[in-house]
Amino acid sequence: MRRRTGAIVLLIELGAPCIVGGAERSRVLREIQQLVEQGRLPEAEQHLAKARKEFPQDAAFCDLLGVVKAEEGDYGGAESNFLKAIELDPVLAGAYLNLGHLYQQNAAAHHDAPQKALAIYGKLLRIEPGNVEARYQ
């Protein structure tokens, strides 16, 4: 799912369904995504806290929490959650793209952000050489 809110392009991926709790996981992700889309960030964050306890190794929830943190203007919180999502699922393209967009949008405030953006897009292109968005950023 692609969405532009505020200052960052947000890409939210459901990722591969977990064997444990697959249907429940998908339902919870959709509910939280709807809250984010409606701008109900505090509510989304509360649901994410609960979901992260239930699915602690699920990269999609980390990615989504990164989206919420970015929307709230919490650069460090967004960055750490996108990085955690990538650590948990190294092929979750949305997390790379979200992180790259975060760096691009914050280049003026963080001098190393442009280099970080290039590096993260480069990593994604090694995983997905045909990823058009990463290629043209």
N, C-alpha and C. Protein backbone atom coordinates (compact mmCIF):
# COMPACT_ATOMS: atom_id res chain seq x y z
N MET A 1 0.85 -1.16 0.00
CA MET A 1 0.00 0.00 0.00
C MET A 1 0.90 1.23 0.00
N ARG A 2 0.61 2.19 -0.85
CA ARG A 2 1.39 3.42 -0.93
C ARG A 2 0.48 4.56 -0.52
N ARG A 3 1.05 5.46 0.24
CA ARG A 3 0.24 6.57 0.74
C ARG A 3 1.15 7.75 1.01
N ARG A 4 0.70 8.96 0.69
CA ARG A 4 1.46 10.15 1.04
C ARG A 4 0.69 10.88 2.12
N THR A 5 1.35 11.03 3.25
CA THR A 5 0.78 11.82 4.33
C THR A 5 1.88 12.71 4.84
N GLY A 6 1.58 13.93 5.09
CA GLY A 6 2.59 14.82 5.63
C GLY A 6 3.80 14.91 4.72
N ALA A 7 4.95 14.63 5.29
CA ALA A 7 6.20 14.87 4.59
C ALA A 7 6.86 13.62 4.04
N ILE A 8 6.24 12.46 4.18
CA ILE A 8 6.93 11.24 3.77
C ILE A 8 5.99 10.33 3.00
N VAL A 9 6.52 9.68 1.99
CA VAL A 9 5.75 8.67 1.28
C VAL A 9 5.81 7.41 2.12
N LEU A 10 4.67 6.84 2.40
CA LEU A 10 4.62 5.67 3.27
C LEU A 10 4.26 4.44 2.46
N LEU A 11 5.05 3.42 2.63
CA LEU A 11 4.79 2.15 1.98
C LEU A 11 4.57 1.12 3.06
N ILE A 12 3.42 0.53 3.07
CA ILE A 12 3.09 -0.44 4.10
C ILE A 12 2.86 -1.77 3.41
N GLU A 13 3.64 -2.76 3.79
CA GLU A 13 3.50 -4.09 3.22
C GLU A 13 2.99 -5.04 4.28
N LEU A 14 2.11 -5.91 3.88
CA LEU A 14 1.66 -6.94 4.81
C LEU A 14 2.72 -8.01 4.98
N GLY A 15 3.59 -8.17 4.02
CA GLY A 15 4.61 -9.21 4.12
C GLY A 15 3.96 -10.58 4.00
N ALA A 16 4.78 -11.60 4.13
CA ALA A 16 4.28 -12.96 4.06
C ALA A 16 3.50 -13.29 5.32
N PRO A 17 2.37 -13.93 5.18
CA PRO A 17 1.60 -14.28 6.37
C PRO A 17 2.38 -15.23 7.27
N CYS A 18 2.28 -15.01 8.55
CA CYS A 18 2.90 -15.90 9.52
C CYS A 18 2.09 -17.18 9.58
N ILE A 19 2.77 -18.29 9.79
CA ILE A 19 2.06 -19.55 9.97
C ILE A 19 1.22 -19.48 11.24
N VAL A 20 1.81 -18.93 12.30
CA VAL A 20 1.10 -18.79 13.57
C VAL A 20 0.29 -17.49 13.52
N GLY A 21 -1.01 -17.60 13.63
CA GLY A 21 -1.86 -16.41 13.70
C GLY A 21 -1.99 -15.66 12.40
N GLY A 22 -1.84 -16.32 11.26
CA GLY A 22 -1.86 -15.65 9.97
C GLY A 22 -3.08 -14.79 9.72
N ALA A 23 -4.26 -15.35 9.91
CA ALA A 23 -5.49 -14.59 9.66
C ALA A 23 -5.64 -13.46 10.67
N GLU A 24 -5.35 -13.75 11.92
CA GLU A 24 -5.45 -12.73 12.97
C GLU A 24 -4.44 -11.62 12.72
N ARG A 25 -3.22 -11.98 12.35
CA ARG A 25 -2.17 -11.02 12.06
C ARG A 25 -2.61 -10.08 10.94
N SER A 26 -3.14 -10.64 9.87
CA SER A 26 -3.58 -9.83 8.73
C SER A 26 -4.70 -8.88 9.13
N ARG A 27 -5.63 -9.38 9.93
CA ARG A 27 -6.74 -8.53 10.38
C ARG A 27 -6.22 -7.37 11.22
N VAL A 28 -5.31 -7.66 12.14
CA VAL A 28 -4.75 -6.61 13.01
C VAL A 28 -3.98 -5.59 12.18
N LEU A 29 -3.18 -6.06 11.22
CA LEU A 29 -2.43 -5.14 10.35
C LEU A 29 -3.38 -4.22 9.59
N ARG A 30 -4.43 -4.78 9.04
CA ARG A 30 -5.39 -3.95 8.28
C ARG A 30 -6.05 -2.91 9.18
N GLU A 31 -6.42 -3.31 10.38
CA GLU A 31 -7.04 -2.36 11.31
C GLU A 31 -6.09 -1.21 11.64
N ILE A 32 -4.83 -1.55 11.90
CA ILE A 32 -3.86 -0.52 12.25
C ILE A 32 -3.59 0.38 11.05
N GLN A 33 -3.50 -0.20 9.87
CA GLN A 33 -3.30 0.60 8.66
C GLN A 33 -4.44 1.60 8.48
N GLN A 34 -5.65 1.16 8.74
CA GLN A 34 -6.80 2.07 8.62
C GLN A 34 -6.68 3.23 9.61
N LEU A 35 -6.25 2.93 10.82
CA LEU A 35 -6.07 3.99 11.81
C LEU A 35 -5.03 5.00 11.34
N VAL A 36 -3.93 4.50 10.77
CA VAL A 36 -2.88 5.39 10.27
C VAL A 36 -3.43 6.25 9.13
N GLU A 37 -4.14 5.63 8.21
CA GLU A 37 -4.71 6.35 7.08
C GLU A 37 -5.70 7.42 7.52
N GLN A 38 -6.38 7.18 8.62
CA GLN A 38 -7.35 8.14 9.15
C GLN A 38 -6.68 9.19 10.03
N GLY A 39 -5.36 9.08 10.21
CA GLY A 39 -4.63 10.05 11.03
C GLY A 39 -4.80 9.82 12.52
N ARG A 40 -5.28 8.67 12.91
CA ARG A 40 -5.50 8.35 14.32
C ARG A 40 -4.25 7.67 14.87
N LEU A 41 -3.17 8.44 14.91
CA LEU A 41 -1.85 7.89 15.25
C LEU A 41 -1.73 7.39 16.68
N PRO A 42 -2.23 8.11 17.69
CA PRO A 42 -2.12 7.58 19.05
C PRO A 42 -2.82 6.23 19.21
N GLU A 43 -3.97 6.10 18.57
CA GLU A 43 -4.70 4.83 18.61
C GLU A 43 -3.92 3.74 17.89
N ALA A 44 -3.37 4.09 16.74
CA ALA A 44 -2.58 3.12 15.98
C ALA A 44 -1.38 2.66 16.80
N GLU A 45 -0.75 3.60 17.48
CA GLU A 45 0.42 3.26 18.29
C GLU A 45 0.04 2.33 19.45
N GLN A 46 -1.12 2.55 20.04
CA GLN A 46 -1.58 1.65 21.12
C GLN A 46 -1.81 0.24 20.59
N HIS A 47 -2.45 0.14 19.44
CA HIS A 47 -2.68 -1.17 18.84
C HIS A 47 -1.36 -1.84 18.45
N LEU A 48 -0.42 -1.04 17.98
CA LEU A 48 0.89 -1.59 17.60
C LEU A 48 1.65 -2.12 18.81
N ALA A 49 1.54 -1.45 19.94
CA ALA A 49 2.22 -1.92 21.15
C ALA A 49 1.70 -3.31 21.52
N LYS A 50 0.40 -3.48 21.44
CA LYS A 50 -0.20 -4.79 21.74
C LYS A 50 0.22 -5.83 20.69
N ALA A 51 0.16 -5.45 19.43
CA ALA A 51 0.51 -6.38 18.35
C ALA A 51 1.97 -6.80 18.42
N ARG A 52 2.85 -5.86 18.78
CA ARG A 52 4.28 -6.20 18.88
C ARG A 52 4.52 -7.23 19.98
N LYS A 53 3.70 -7.20 21.03
CA LYS A 53 3.83 -8.21 22.09
C LYS A 53 3.35 -9.57 21.58
N GLU A 54 2.30 -9.55 20.79
CA GLU A 54 1.73 -10.80 20.27
C GLU A 54 2.58 -11.38 19.14
N PHE A 55 3.17 -10.51 18.32
CA PHE A 55 3.97 -10.93 17.17
C PHE A 55 5.34 -10.24 17.22
N PRO A 56 6.18 -10.57 18.21
CA PRO A 56 7.42 -9.82 18.43
C PRO A 56 8.45 -9.93 17.30
N GLN A 57 8.38 -10.96 16.50
CA GLN A 57 9.35 -11.14 15.42
C GLN A 57 8.78 -10.78 14.05
N ASP A 58 7.71 -10.04 14.03
CA ASP A 58 7.03 -9.70 12.78
C ASP A 58 7.50 -8.33 12.27
N ALA A 59 8.20 -8.35 11.17
CA ALA A 59 8.77 -7.14 10.59
C ALA A 59 7.71 -6.13 10.16
N ALA A 60 6.56 -6.60 9.72
CA ALA A 60 5.53 -5.68 9.23
C ALA A 60 5.05 -4.74 10.33
N PHE A 61 4.98 -5.24 11.57
CA PHE A 61 4.56 -4.37 12.67
C PHE A 61 5.63 -3.34 13.00
N CYS A 62 6.91 -3.73 12.89
CA CYS A 62 8.00 -2.75 13.10
C CYS A 62 7.95 -1.68 12.01
N ASP A 63 7.75 -2.11 10.77
CA ASP A 63 7.66 -1.17 9.66
C ASP A 63 6.50 -0.20 9.87
N LEU A 64 5.37 -0.73 10.27
CA LEU A 64 4.20 0.12 10.49
C LEU A 64 4.41 1.08 11.66
N LEU A 65 5.08 0.62 12.71
CA LEU A 65 5.39 1.52 13.82
C LEU A 65 6.35 2.62 13.35
N GLY A 66 7.28 2.27 12.46
CA GLY A 66 8.15 3.28 11.87
C GLY A 66 7.36 4.34 11.12
N VAL A 67 6.33 3.91 10.40
CA VAL A 67 5.46 4.84 9.68
C VAL A 67 4.79 5.79 10.66
N VAL A 68 4.26 5.24 11.75
CA VAL A 68 3.59 6.07 12.76
C VAL A 68 4.58 7.07 13.35
N LYS A 69 5.78 6.59 13.69
CA LYS A 69 6.79 7.48 14.27
C LYS A 69 7.18 8.58 13.28
N ALA A 70 7.30 8.24 12.01
CA ALA A 70 7.63 9.25 10.99
C ALA A 70 6.52 10.29 10.90
N GLU A 71 5.28 9.83 10.92
CA GLU A 71 4.14 10.75 10.87
C GLU A 71 4.12 11.68 12.08
N GLU A 72 4.58 11.18 13.22
CA GLU A 72 4.61 11.98 14.44
C GLU A 72 5.83 12.90 14.50
N GLY A 73 6.72 12.78 13.51
CA GLY A 73 7.92 13.61 13.49
C GLY A 73 9.05 13.07 14.36
N ASP A 74 8.97 11.82 14.75
CA ASP A 74 9.99 11.19 15.59
C ASP A 74 10.99 10.47 14.69
N TYR A 75 11.99 11.21 14.22
CA TYR A 75 12.99 10.69 13.28
C TYR A 75 13.69 9.46 13.85
N GLY A 76 14.20 9.56 15.07
CA GLY A 76 14.93 8.45 15.68
C GLY A 76 14.06 7.23 15.87
N GLY A 77 12.83 7.44 16.32
CA GLY A 77 11.91 6.32 16.50
C GLY A 77 11.56 5.65 15.18
N ALA A 78 11.33 6.46 14.15
CA ALA A 78 11.02 5.91 12.83
C ALA A 78 12.22 5.13 12.30
N GLU A 79 13.39 5.73 12.37
CA GLU A 79 14.60 5.07 11.86
C GLU A 79 14.83 3.73 12.55
N SER A 80 14.75 3.71 13.87
CA SER A 80 15.04 2.47 14.59
C SER A 80 14.01 1.38 14.27
N ASN A 81 12.76 1.76 14.08
CA ASN A 81 11.75 0.75 13.74
C ASN A 81 11.90 0.23 12.31
N PHE A 82 12.25 1.10 11.36
CA PHE A 82 12.49 0.63 10.00
C PHE A 82 13.71 -0.30 9.97
N LEU A 83 14.76 0.07 10.71
CA LEU A 83 15.95 -0.79 10.77
C LEU A 83 15.63 -2.14 11.41
N LYS A 84 14.81 -2.14 12.44
CA LYS A 84 14.40 -3.40 13.09
C LYS A 84 13.60 -4.25 12.11
N ALA A 85 12.72 -3.63 11.34
CA ALA A 85 11.94 -4.37 10.34
C ALA A 85 12.87 -5.03 9.33
N ILE A 86 13.89 -4.31 8.89
CA ILE A 86 14.85 -4.85 7.92
C ILE A 86 15.65 -5.99 8.55
N GLU A 87 16.00 -5.83 9.81
CA GLU A 87 16.73 -6.89 10.52
C GLU A 87 15.87 -8.16 10.60
N LEU A 88 14.59 -8.01 10.91
CA LEU A 88 13.70 -9.16 11.04
C LEU A 88 13.35 -9.79 9.69
N ASP A 89 13.24 -8.97 8.65
CA ASP A 89 12.89 -9.47 7.32
C ASP A 89 13.71 -8.72 6.28
N PRO A 90 14.91 -9.22 5.99
CA PRO A 90 15.83 -8.50 5.10
C PRO A 90 15.34 -8.32 3.66
N VAL A 91 14.20 -8.89 3.30
CA VAL A 91 13.68 -8.69 1.95
C VAL A 91 12.36 -7.90 1.93
N LEU A 92 12.03 -7.25 3.02
CA LEU A 92 10.80 -6.45 3.11
C LEU A 92 11.07 -5.09 2.45
N ALA A 93 10.79 -5.01 1.16
CA ALA A 93 11.13 -3.82 0.37
C ALA A 93 10.53 -2.54 0.94
N GLY A 94 9.31 -2.61 1.45
CA GLY A 94 8.66 -1.42 1.98
C GLY A 94 9.45 -0.77 3.10
N ALA A 95 10.09 -1.58 3.94
CA ALA A 95 10.87 -1.02 5.04
C ALA A 95 12.08 -0.25 4.51
N TYR A 96 12.73 -0.78 3.49
CA TYR A 96 13.86 -0.08 2.88
C TYR A 96 13.39 1.24 2.27
N LEU A 97 12.29 1.19 1.54
CA LEU A 97 11.78 2.40 0.89
C LEU A 97 11.33 3.43 1.91
N ASN A 98 10.65 2.98 2.96
CA ASN A 98 10.23 3.91 4.01
C ASN A 98 11.45 4.57 4.65
N LEU A 99 12.47 3.77 4.93
CA LEU A 99 13.68 4.31 5.55
C LEU A 99 14.37 5.29 4.61
N GLY A 100 14.47 4.94 3.34
CA GLY A 100 15.07 5.84 2.37
C GLY A 100 14.33 7.16 2.27
N HIS A 101 13.00 7.09 2.25
CA HIS A 101 12.18 8.31 2.21
C HIS A 101 12.37 9.14 3.48
N LEU A 102 12.44 8.47 4.61
CA LEU A 102 12.68 9.18 5.88
C LEU A 102 13.98 9.97 5.79
N TYR A 103 15.03 9.31 5.31
CA TYR A 103 16.33 9.99 5.18
C TYR A 103 16.23 11.16 4.20
N GLN A 104 15.59 10.95 3.07
CA GLN A 104 15.46 12.04 2.09
C GLN A 104 14.70 13.23 2.66
N GLN A 105 13.62 12.96 3.36
CA GLN A 105 12.80 14.04 3.89
C GLN A 105 13.48 14.79 5.03
N ASN A 106 14.50 14.19 5.63
CA ASN A 106 15.17 14.81 6.77
C ASN A 106 16.61 15.20 6.47
N ALA A 107 16.93 15.33 5.20
CA ALA A 107 18.30 15.63 4.78
C ALA A 107 18.79 16.98 5.32
N ALA A 108 17.92 17.95 5.42
CA ALA A 108 18.33 19.27 5.90
C ALA A 108 18.70 19.24 7.39
N ALA A 109 18.01 18.44 8.15
CA ALA A 109 18.23 18.39 9.60
C ALA A 109 19.31 17.40 10.01
N HIS A 110 19.59 16.43 9.16
CA HIS A 110 20.57 15.38 9.49
C HIS A 110 21.58 15.29 8.35
N HIS A 111 22.78 15.79 8.59
CA HIS A 111 23.77 15.92 7.52
C HIS A 111 24.14 14.59 6.86
N ASP A 112 24.02 13.48 7.58
CA ASP A 112 24.39 12.19 7.01
C ASP A 112 23.22 11.47 6.33
N ALA A 113 22.04 12.06 6.37
CA ALA A 113 20.85 11.43 5.83
C ALA A 113 20.94 11.14 4.32
N PRO A 114 21.47 12.05 3.48
CA PRO A 114 21.55 11.72 2.05
C PRO A 114 22.41 10.49 1.77
N GLN A 115 23.54 10.37 2.48
CA GLN A 115 24.40 9.20 2.29
C GLN A 115 23.70 7.93 2.78
N LYS A 116 22.98 8.06 3.89
CA LYS A 116 22.24 6.90 4.41
C LYS A 116 21.15 6.48 3.42
N ALA A 117 20.49 7.45 2.81
CA ALA A 117 19.44 7.14 1.83
C ALA A 117 20.03 6.38 0.65
N LEU A 118 21.14 6.87 0.12
CA LEU A 118 21.79 6.18 -1.00
C LEU A 118 22.18 4.76 -0.62
N ALA A 119 22.72 4.60 0.58
CA ALA A 119 23.15 3.27 1.04
C ALA A 119 21.96 2.32 1.17
N ILE A 120 20.86 2.80 1.72
CA ILE A 120 19.71 1.91 1.93
C ILE A 120 19.06 1.54 0.60
N TYR A 121 19.00 2.49 -0.35
CA TYR A 121 18.47 2.16 -1.67
C TYR A 121 19.40 1.17 -2.38
N GLY A 122 20.71 1.34 -2.18
CA GLY A 122 21.67 0.39 -2.76
C GLY A 122 21.48 -1.01 -2.23
N LYS A 123 21.23 -1.13 -0.92
CA LYS A 123 20.98 -2.45 -0.33
C LYS A 123 19.72 -3.08 -0.92
N LEU A 124 18.69 -2.27 -1.08
CA LEU A 124 17.45 -2.80 -1.65
C LEU A 124 17.68 -3.26 -3.09
N LEU A 125 18.45 -2.51 -3.85
CA LEU A 125 18.70 -2.89 -5.25
C LEU A 125 19.52 -4.17 -5.36
N ARG A 126 20.34 -4.47 -4.35
CA ARG A 126 21.07 -5.74 -4.36
C ARG A 126 20.10 -6.91 -4.13
N ILE A 127 19.04 -6.65 -3.37
CA ILE A 127 18.03 -7.67 -3.10
C ILE A 127 17.02 -7.76 -4.24
N GLU A 128 16.60 -6.59 -4.72
CA GLU A 128 15.59 -6.48 -5.78
C GLU A 128 16.12 -5.56 -6.87
N PRO A 129 16.95 -6.09 -7.77
CA PRO A 129 17.55 -5.23 -8.80
C PRO A 129 16.54 -4.49 -9.67
N GLY A 130 15.35 -5.00 -9.78
CA GLY A 130 14.34 -4.36 -10.62
C GLY A 130 13.44 -3.38 -9.89
N ASN A 131 13.74 -3.07 -8.65
CA ASN A 131 12.88 -2.17 -7.89
C ASN A 131 13.00 -0.76 -8.45
N VAL A 132 11.99 -0.34 -9.18
CA VAL A 132 12.01 0.93 -9.90
C VAL A 132 12.13 2.11 -8.95
N GLU A 133 11.39 2.08 -7.87
CA GLU A 133 11.42 3.22 -6.95
C GLU A 133 12.81 3.42 -6.35
N ALA A 134 13.44 2.35 -5.94
CA ALA A 134 14.79 2.46 -5.36
C ALA A 134 15.78 2.92 -6.42
N ARG A 135 15.61 2.45 -7.63
CA ARG A 135 16.54 2.79 -8.71
C ARG A 135 16.53 4.29 -9.02
N TYR A 136 15.38 4.92 -8.94
CA TYR A 136 15.29 6.32 -9.37
C TYR A 136 15.23 7.32 -8.23
N GLN A 137 15.55 6.90 -7.03
CA GLN A 137 15.57 7.84 -5.91
C GLN A 137 16.86 8.61 -5.87
